[in-house]
Amino acid sequence: MSWWRTGACIAAMLWVAATGAAGAAVPAQDDEVPLLSLWASEPDATPGRITERSLDPRVPDRIIEDVRAPYIAVHAPARPSGVALLVTPGGGYARIVLDKEGTALLPAFVEAAGITLFVLRYRLPDASHAEGADAPLVDAQRAMRTIRAHAKDYGIDPGRIGVMGFSAGGHVAARLATARDAAYMPRDAIDAYAWRPDFALLIYPVISLEPDIAHTGSRTRLLSAAGDAGIATRERLSPALHVGAHTPPLFLLHAQDDDVVPVGNTLAIHAAALAAGAPASLHIFPTGGHGFGVRDAHGPLARWPRLAIDWIDALDTSP
């Protein structure tokens, strides 16, 4: 049984796929959009704490922290093109930014291109999760399955569902695209659906855990959650080392002057794609820094959403 939110004035409820169980109440700031819960929540699970960091109401900059009951915010176009994107925003694995790499995408991707966006509020790597460092990957795989299970409800072609991740969220997306196996045991009917994305867009992504090019905060939190900083763990959590024939087409975007997540991360996964024969479209801009998203992309870089949408439209996703 599925439950739809009916508005901000009604008690917060989530659509819980397949299980029929009610999830935890969601933060009030998410009342304006439909939400999908990924799992039946434990009694003490929390969907997170949302904080608005911007003083300008015209430029929201919300973050969410301490997600224990992961869920998806759905942004559906008036006329769906059939394409959908699971969006995994960044935040250095310390938080998740909801607007800079979430709602700011709506004009280009939803309103202009008719793409349905499913923005994931995933659990961060934490040793308190049973899955530890793999908790974000587990949530992303479950999210892809949930989207496919409800594709008809949103006018989506189940063979045209991709993932788009930014920064640490790019690490989530890259792991989703390069994993060979499911990261968790099946729990219900939703898990009969495929979890692999049909394509992946990695925007200034965290890829490597090697000290010379790693994002320090993401690396520290991942290895702490894994409880092991050994080479085997670092390699397991570095998506470039897992690119293969199973990897879907990749759209890679980075700024050369990024001093937070070095461009070497994107170059590493592009080199791996070349070696594996996996299709990859590489876009490196000389300037742009880190975290530009859509709002802070200027000059030629500001056209990256059009590049991405044209790339998606040109994909041959037939079996």
Protein backbone atom coordinates (compact mmCIF):
# COMPACT_ATOMS: atom_id res chain seq x y z
CA MET A 1 0.00 0.00 0.00
CA SER A 2 1.43 3.40 -0.94
CA TRP A 3 0.75 6.61 0.96
CA TRP A 4 0.98 10.03 -0.75
CA ARG A 5 1.63 13.27 1.05
CA THR A 6 -1.49 15.41 0.79
CA GLY A 7 -0.07 18.80 1.74
CA ALA A 8 1.76 20.86 4.27
CA CYS A 9 -1.25 21.15 6.53
CA ILE A 10 -1.57 17.38 6.98
CA ALA A 11 0.64 15.32 9.25
CA ALA A 12 3.82 14.30 7.44
CA MET A 13 3.58 10.88 5.85
CA LEU A 14 5.83 9.01 3.44
CA TRP A 15 5.07 6.68 0.61
CA VAL A 16 6.66 3.45 1.81
CA ALA A 17 7.28 1.16 -1.11
CA ALA A 18 5.98 -2.41 -0.87
CA THR A 19 6.03 -2.74 2.92
CA GLY A 20 2.94 -0.68 3.76
CA ALA A 21 4.64 0.51 6.95
CA ALA A 22 4.70 4.19 7.87
CA GLY A 23 8.06 5.94 8.00
CA ALA A 24 9.24 8.67 10.32
CA ALA A 25 7.86 12.18 9.97
CA VAL A 26 9.88 14.30 7.57
CA PRO A 27 11.40 17.72 8.24
CA ALA A 28 8.85 20.49 7.75
CA GLN A 29 10.99 22.19 5.11
CA ASP A 30 10.29 19.29 2.73
CA ASP A 31 6.52 19.65 2.90
CA GLU A 32 6.21 21.16 -0.56
CA VAL A 33 7.18 18.06 -2.60
CA PRO A 34 6.15 14.40 -2.74
CA LEU A 35 8.48 12.13 -0.79
CA LEU A 36 9.35 8.47 -1.06
CA SER A 37 10.70 6.55 1.91
CA LEU A 38 13.29 3.87 1.17
CA TRP A 39 12.79 1.62 4.15
CA ALA A 40 10.28 0.94 6.91
CA SER A 41 11.73 3.08 9.69
CA GLU A 42 12.85 1.94 13.09
CA PRO A 43 10.97 3.68 15.93
CA ASP A 44 13.94 5.93 16.73
CA ALA A 45 15.01 6.58 13.13
CA THR A 46 15.10 10.19 12.02
CA PRO A 47 14.83 11.54 8.46
CA GLY A 48 17.35 14.21 9.40
CA ARG A 49 17.68 17.81 10.48
CA ILE A 50 17.37 20.54 7.86
CA THR A 51 19.10 23.90 8.34
CA GLU A 52 18.79 26.96 6.11
CA ARG A 53 22.19 28.65 5.72
CA SER A 54 21.19 31.47 3.39
CA LEU A 55 19.98 34.87 4.56
CA ASP A 56 18.49 35.56 1.13
CA PRO A 57 15.11 33.82 0.61
CA ARG A 58 15.63 34.09 -3.15
CA VAL A 59 18.73 31.88 -2.93
CA PRO A 60 18.00 28.98 -0.56
CA ASP A 61 20.95 26.96 0.71
CA ARG A 62 19.61 24.20 2.92
CA ILE A 63 21.60 21.30 4.30
CA ILE A 64 20.38 18.11 5.92
CA GLU A 65 22.28 16.25 8.63
CA ASP A 66 21.88 13.09 10.70
CA VAL A 67 19.70 11.16 8.24
CA ARG A 68 18.78 7.80 9.75
CA ALA A 69 15.63 7.14 7.72
CA PRO A 70 16.68 7.88 4.11
CA TYR A 71 14.14 9.17 1.62
CA ILE A 72 13.75 10.79 -1.79
CA ALA A 73 12.29 14.18 -2.71
CA VAL A 74 10.50 13.92 -6.06
CA HIS A 75 10.50 16.76 -8.59
CA ALA A 76 8.24 15.78 -11.48
CA PRO A 77 7.82 17.81 -14.68
CA ALA A 78 4.43 18.72 -16.12
CA ARG A 79 5.32 16.75 -19.25
CA PRO A 80 7.71 13.89 -18.47
CA SER A 81 10.23 13.05 -21.17
CA GLY A 82 10.52 9.50 -19.85
CA VAL A 83 14.01 10.16 -18.46
CA ALA A 84 14.72 10.17 -14.73
CA LEU A 85 17.75 11.03 -12.63
CA LEU A 86 18.55 9.92 -9.12
CA VAL A 87 20.43 12.94 -7.73
CA THR A 88 23.00 12.48 -4.97
CA PRO A 89 24.14 15.91 -3.75
CA GLY A 90 27.46 16.46 -2.02
CA GLY A 91 28.50 17.82 1.33
CA GLY A 92 31.81 16.14 2.09
CA TYR A 93 30.04 13.19 3.72
CA ALA A 94 29.41 15.51 6.70
CA ARG A 95 26.07 16.84 5.42
CA ILE A 96 23.99 16.89 2.23
CA VAL A 97 23.30 20.15 0.38
CA LEU A 98 19.70 20.26 -0.77
CA ASP A 99 19.49 23.35 -2.96
CA LYS A 100 22.87 24.11 -4.57
CA GLU A 101 22.97 20.56 -5.98
CA GLY A 102 19.27 19.77 -5.73
CA THR A 103 16.47 22.28 -6.26
CA ALA A 104 18.74 24.59 -8.29
CA LEU A 105 18.69 21.90 -11.00
CA LEU A 106 14.94 22.22 -11.57
CA PRO A 107 14.84 24.98 -14.22
CA ALA A 108 17.26 23.23 -16.58
CA PHE A 109 16.48 19.57 -15.98
CA VAL A 110 12.83 19.43 -14.88
CA GLU A 111 11.14 22.50 -16.36
CA ALA A 112 13.06 22.77 -19.64
CA ALA A 113 13.99 19.14 -20.35
CA GLY A 114 11.12 17.23 -18.73
CA ILE A 115 13.44 15.03 -16.67
CA THR A 116 12.06 13.70 -13.40
CA LEU A 117 14.50 14.27 -10.54
CA PHE A 118 14.63 12.08 -7.46
CA VAL A 119 16.89 13.85 -4.95
CA LEU A 120 18.21 11.40 -2.36
CA ARG A 121 18.66 12.20 1.32
CA TYR A 122 21.06 9.34 1.97
CA ARG A 123 22.70 8.14 5.16
CA LEU A 124 26.27 9.32 5.59
CA PRO A 125 29.15 6.91 6.26
CA ASP A 126 29.02 6.10 9.95
CA ALA A 127 30.23 3.17 12.02
CA SER A 128 26.87 3.25 13.84
CA HIS A 129 25.16 2.02 10.66
CA ALA A 130 25.24 -1.73 10.14
CA GLU A 131 26.60 -1.03 6.64
CA GLY A 132 29.28 1.40 7.88
CA ALA A 133 30.98 3.11 4.94
CA ASP A 134 28.63 1.36 2.52
CA ALA A 135 25.44 2.96 3.90
CA PRO A 136 25.27 5.61 1.10
CA LEU A 137 25.71 2.91 -1.57
CA VAL A 138 23.02 0.74 0.00
CA ASP A 139 20.62 3.70 0.00
CA ALA A 140 21.46 4.57 -3.62
CA GLN A 141 20.87 0.99 -4.80
CA ARG A 142 17.58 0.86 -2.92
CA ALA A 143 16.60 4.26 -4.38
CA MET A 144 17.20 3.06 -7.95
CA ARG A 145 15.06 0.00 -7.31
CA THR A 146 12.32 2.14 -5.77
CA ILE A 147 12.30 4.47 -8.77
CA ARG A 148 12.04 1.55 -11.20
CA ALA A 149 9.26 -0.02 -9.14
CA HIS A 150 7.21 3.17 -9.56
CA ALA A 151 8.33 4.18 -13.05
CA LYS A 152 4.82 3.97 -14.49
CA ASP A 153 3.48 6.29 -11.82
CA TYR A 154 5.78 9.06 -13.06
CA GLY A 155 5.73 8.40 -16.80
CA ILE A 156 9.31 7.11 -16.71
CA ASP A 157 10.97 4.65 -19.07
CA PRO A 158 12.59 2.10 -16.68
CA GLY A 159 15.46 1.78 -19.16
CA ARG A 160 16.28 5.52 -19.05
CA ILE A 161 17.04 6.06 -15.38
CA GLY A 162 20.43 7.50 -14.55
CA VAL A 163 22.26 8.89 -11.54
CA MET A 164 23.83 12.33 -11.16
CA GLY A 165 26.15 12.94 -8.23
CA PHE A 166 28.13 15.96 -7.03
CA SER A 167 31.36 15.92 -5.00
CA ALA A 168 30.90 13.35 -2.19
CA GLY A 169 27.55 12.58 -3.80
CA GLY A 170 29.60 11.94 -6.94
CA HIS A 171 31.36 9.23 -4.96
CA VAL A 172 27.97 7.72 -4.13
CA ALA A 173 26.98 7.88 -7.81
CA ALA A 174 30.32 6.48 -8.97
CA ARG A 175 30.10 3.55 -6.58
CA LEU A 176 26.56 2.90 -7.77
CA ALA A 177 27.73 2.89 -11.39
CA THR A 178 30.81 0.72 -10.83
CA ALA A 179 29.64 -1.81 -8.22
CA ARG A 180 29.43 -5.35 -9.49
CA ASP A 181 27.04 -6.70 -6.87
CA ALA A 182 24.20 -5.57 -4.64
CA ALA A 183 25.46 -4.15 -1.34
CA TYR A 184 22.63 -5.59 0.76
CA MET A 185 20.43 -8.66 0.96
CA PRO A 186 16.93 -8.44 -0.59
CA ARG A 187 14.23 -7.43 1.87
CA ASP A 188 10.99 -7.16 -0.12
CA ALA A 189 9.45 -7.00 -3.60
CA ILE A 190 11.21 -3.70 -4.41
CA ASP A 191 14.53 -5.54 -4.37
CA ALA A 192 13.53 -7.62 -7.38
CA TYR A 193 14.11 -4.54 -9.54
CA ALA A 194 17.49 -3.67 -11.05
CA TRP A 195 19.66 -1.27 -9.06
CA ARG A 196 22.24 -0.40 -11.72
CA PRO A 197 21.77 3.01 -13.38
CA ASP A 198 21.50 3.20 -17.17
CA PHE A 199 23.99 6.09 -17.23
CA ALA A 200 25.86 8.23 -14.72
CA LEU A 201 26.79 11.90 -14.53
CA LEU A 202 29.67 12.59 -12.13
CA ILE A 203 30.11 16.27 -11.35
CA TYR A 204 33.43 17.19 -9.61
CA PRO A 205 33.25 13.74 -7.96
CA VAL A 206 35.25 12.26 -5.11
CA ILE A 207 36.78 9.15 -6.69
CA SER A 208 40.10 8.22 -5.11
CA LEU A 209 41.00 7.68 -1.47
CA GLU A 210 44.71 8.00 -2.11
CA PRO A 211 46.19 10.95 -0.13
CA ASP A 212 47.65 12.77 -3.13
CA ILE A 213 44.26 13.51 -4.75
CA ALA A 214 41.67 12.54 -2.14
CA HIS A 215 39.23 14.98 -0.59
CA THR A 216 40.48 14.89 2.99
CA GLY A 217 37.12 15.12 4.75
CA SER A 218 35.42 12.45 2.62
CA ARG A 219 38.44 10.14 2.91
CA THR A 220 38.59 10.52 6.69
CA ARG A 221 34.87 9.87 7.19
CA LEU A 222 34.77 6.89 4.84
CA LEU A 223 37.76 5.17 6.40
CA SER A 224 36.55 5.92 9.92
CA ALA A 225 33.16 4.40 9.09
CA ALA A 226 34.88 1.38 7.57
CA GLY A 227 36.96 0.92 10.70
CA ASP A 228 40.03 0.25 8.57
CA ALA A 229 42.39 2.48 6.62
CA GLY A 230 44.30 -0.35 4.97
CA ILE A 231 45.02 -0.54 1.27
CA ALA A 232 42.33 -3.14 0.63
CA THR A 233 39.67 -0.85 2.13
CA ARG A 234 40.95 2.20 0.25
CA GLU A 235 40.84 0.26 -3.01
CA ARG A 236 37.35 -1.10 -2.31
CA LEU A 237 36.07 2.44 -1.77
CA SER A 238 37.80 3.94 -4.85
CA PRO A 239 35.35 3.63 -7.79
CA ALA A 240 37.96 4.08 -10.54
CA LEU A 241 39.39 0.70 -9.59
CA HIS A 242 36.07 -1.00 -10.28
CA VAL A 243 35.23 0.31 -13.75
CA GLY A 244 34.52 -2.51 -16.17
CA ALA A 245 32.29 -3.77 -18.93
CA HIS A 246 29.36 -3.52 -16.51
CA THR A 247 29.85 0.24 -16.07
CA PRO A 248 27.19 2.35 -17.84
CA PRO A 249 28.04 5.41 -19.96
CA LEU A 250 29.68 8.20 -17.95
CA PHE A 251 29.41 11.98 -18.23
CA LEU A 252 32.35 13.53 -16.37
CA LEU A 253 32.60 17.22 -15.44
CA HIS A 254 35.25 19.04 -13.41
CA ALA A 255 37.03 22.39 -13.14
CA GLN A 256 40.80 22.29 -13.46
CA ASP A 257 41.24 24.81 -10.63
CA ASP A 258 39.20 22.80 -8.10
CA ASP A 259 41.25 23.02 -4.89
CA VAL A 260 38.82 20.96 -2.79
CA VAL A 261 38.39 17.80 -4.87
CA PRO A 262 41.32 17.81 -7.31
CA VAL A 263 40.59 17.26 -10.97
CA GLY A 264 42.78 14.16 -10.74
CA ASN A 265 39.73 12.34 -9.37
CA THR A 266 37.81 12.77 -12.62
CA LEU A 267 40.89 12.09 -14.72
CA ALA A 268 41.42 8.83 -12.82
CA ILE A 269 37.95 7.46 -13.57
CA HIS A 270 38.18 8.65 -17.17
CA ALA A 271 41.48 6.77 -17.57
CA ALA A 272 39.85 3.69 -16.05
CA ALA A 273 36.93 3.99 -18.48
CA LEU A 274 39.33 4.23 -21.43
CA ALA A 275 41.19 1.15 -20.24
CA ALA A 276 37.96 -0.81 -19.78
CA GLY A 277 36.31 0.37 -22.98
CA ALA A 278 33.47 1.97 -21.03
CA PRO A 279 31.85 4.96 -22.81
CA ALA A 280 32.85 8.23 -21.15
CA SER A 281 32.35 11.87 -22.10
CA LEU A 282 34.96 14.07 -20.41
CA HIS A 283 34.50 17.83 -19.82
CA ILE A 284 37.28 19.72 -18.06
CA PHE A 285 36.93 23.51 -17.74
CA PRO A 286 39.95 25.65 -16.78
CA THR A 287 38.10 27.61 -14.07
CA GLY A 288 35.07 27.10 -11.89
CA GLY A 289 36.48 25.92 -8.58
CA HIS A 290 34.51 23.44 -6.51
CA GLY A 291 30.81 23.18 -5.79
CA PHE A 292 29.64 25.41 -8.63
CA GLY A 293 26.52 23.35 -9.25
CA VAL A 294 24.26 25.41 -11.52
CA ARG A 295 23.97 28.73 -9.71
CA ASP A 296 27.71 29.40 -9.49
CA ALA A 297 28.67 28.18 -12.95
CA HIS A 298 29.66 31.13 -15.14
CA GLY A 299 30.90 31.74 -18.65
CA PRO A 300 31.19 28.63 -20.85
CA LEU A 301 30.85 26.44 -17.74
CA ALA A 302 27.29 27.71 -17.27
CA ARG A 303 26.27 25.67 -20.31
CA TRP A 304 27.11 22.35 -18.70
CA PRO A 305 23.46 21.38 -18.02
CA ARG A 306 22.76 21.71 -21.76
CA LEU A 307 25.80 19.54 -22.51
CA ALA A 308 24.53 16.95 -20.03
CA ILE A 309 20.98 16.92 -21.37
CA ASP A 310 22.16 16.64 -24.98
CA TRP A 311 24.42 13.76 -23.93
CA ILE A 312 21.50 11.97 -22.24
CA ASP A 313 19.29 12.50 -25.27
CA ALA A 314 21.94 10.98 -27.54
CA LEU A 315 22.41 7.82 -25.49
CA ASP A 316 21.37 4.50 -26.96
CA THR A 317 19.93 2.73 -23.93
CA SER A 318 18.46 -0.17 -25.87
CA PRO A 319 19.36 -3.63 -24.49
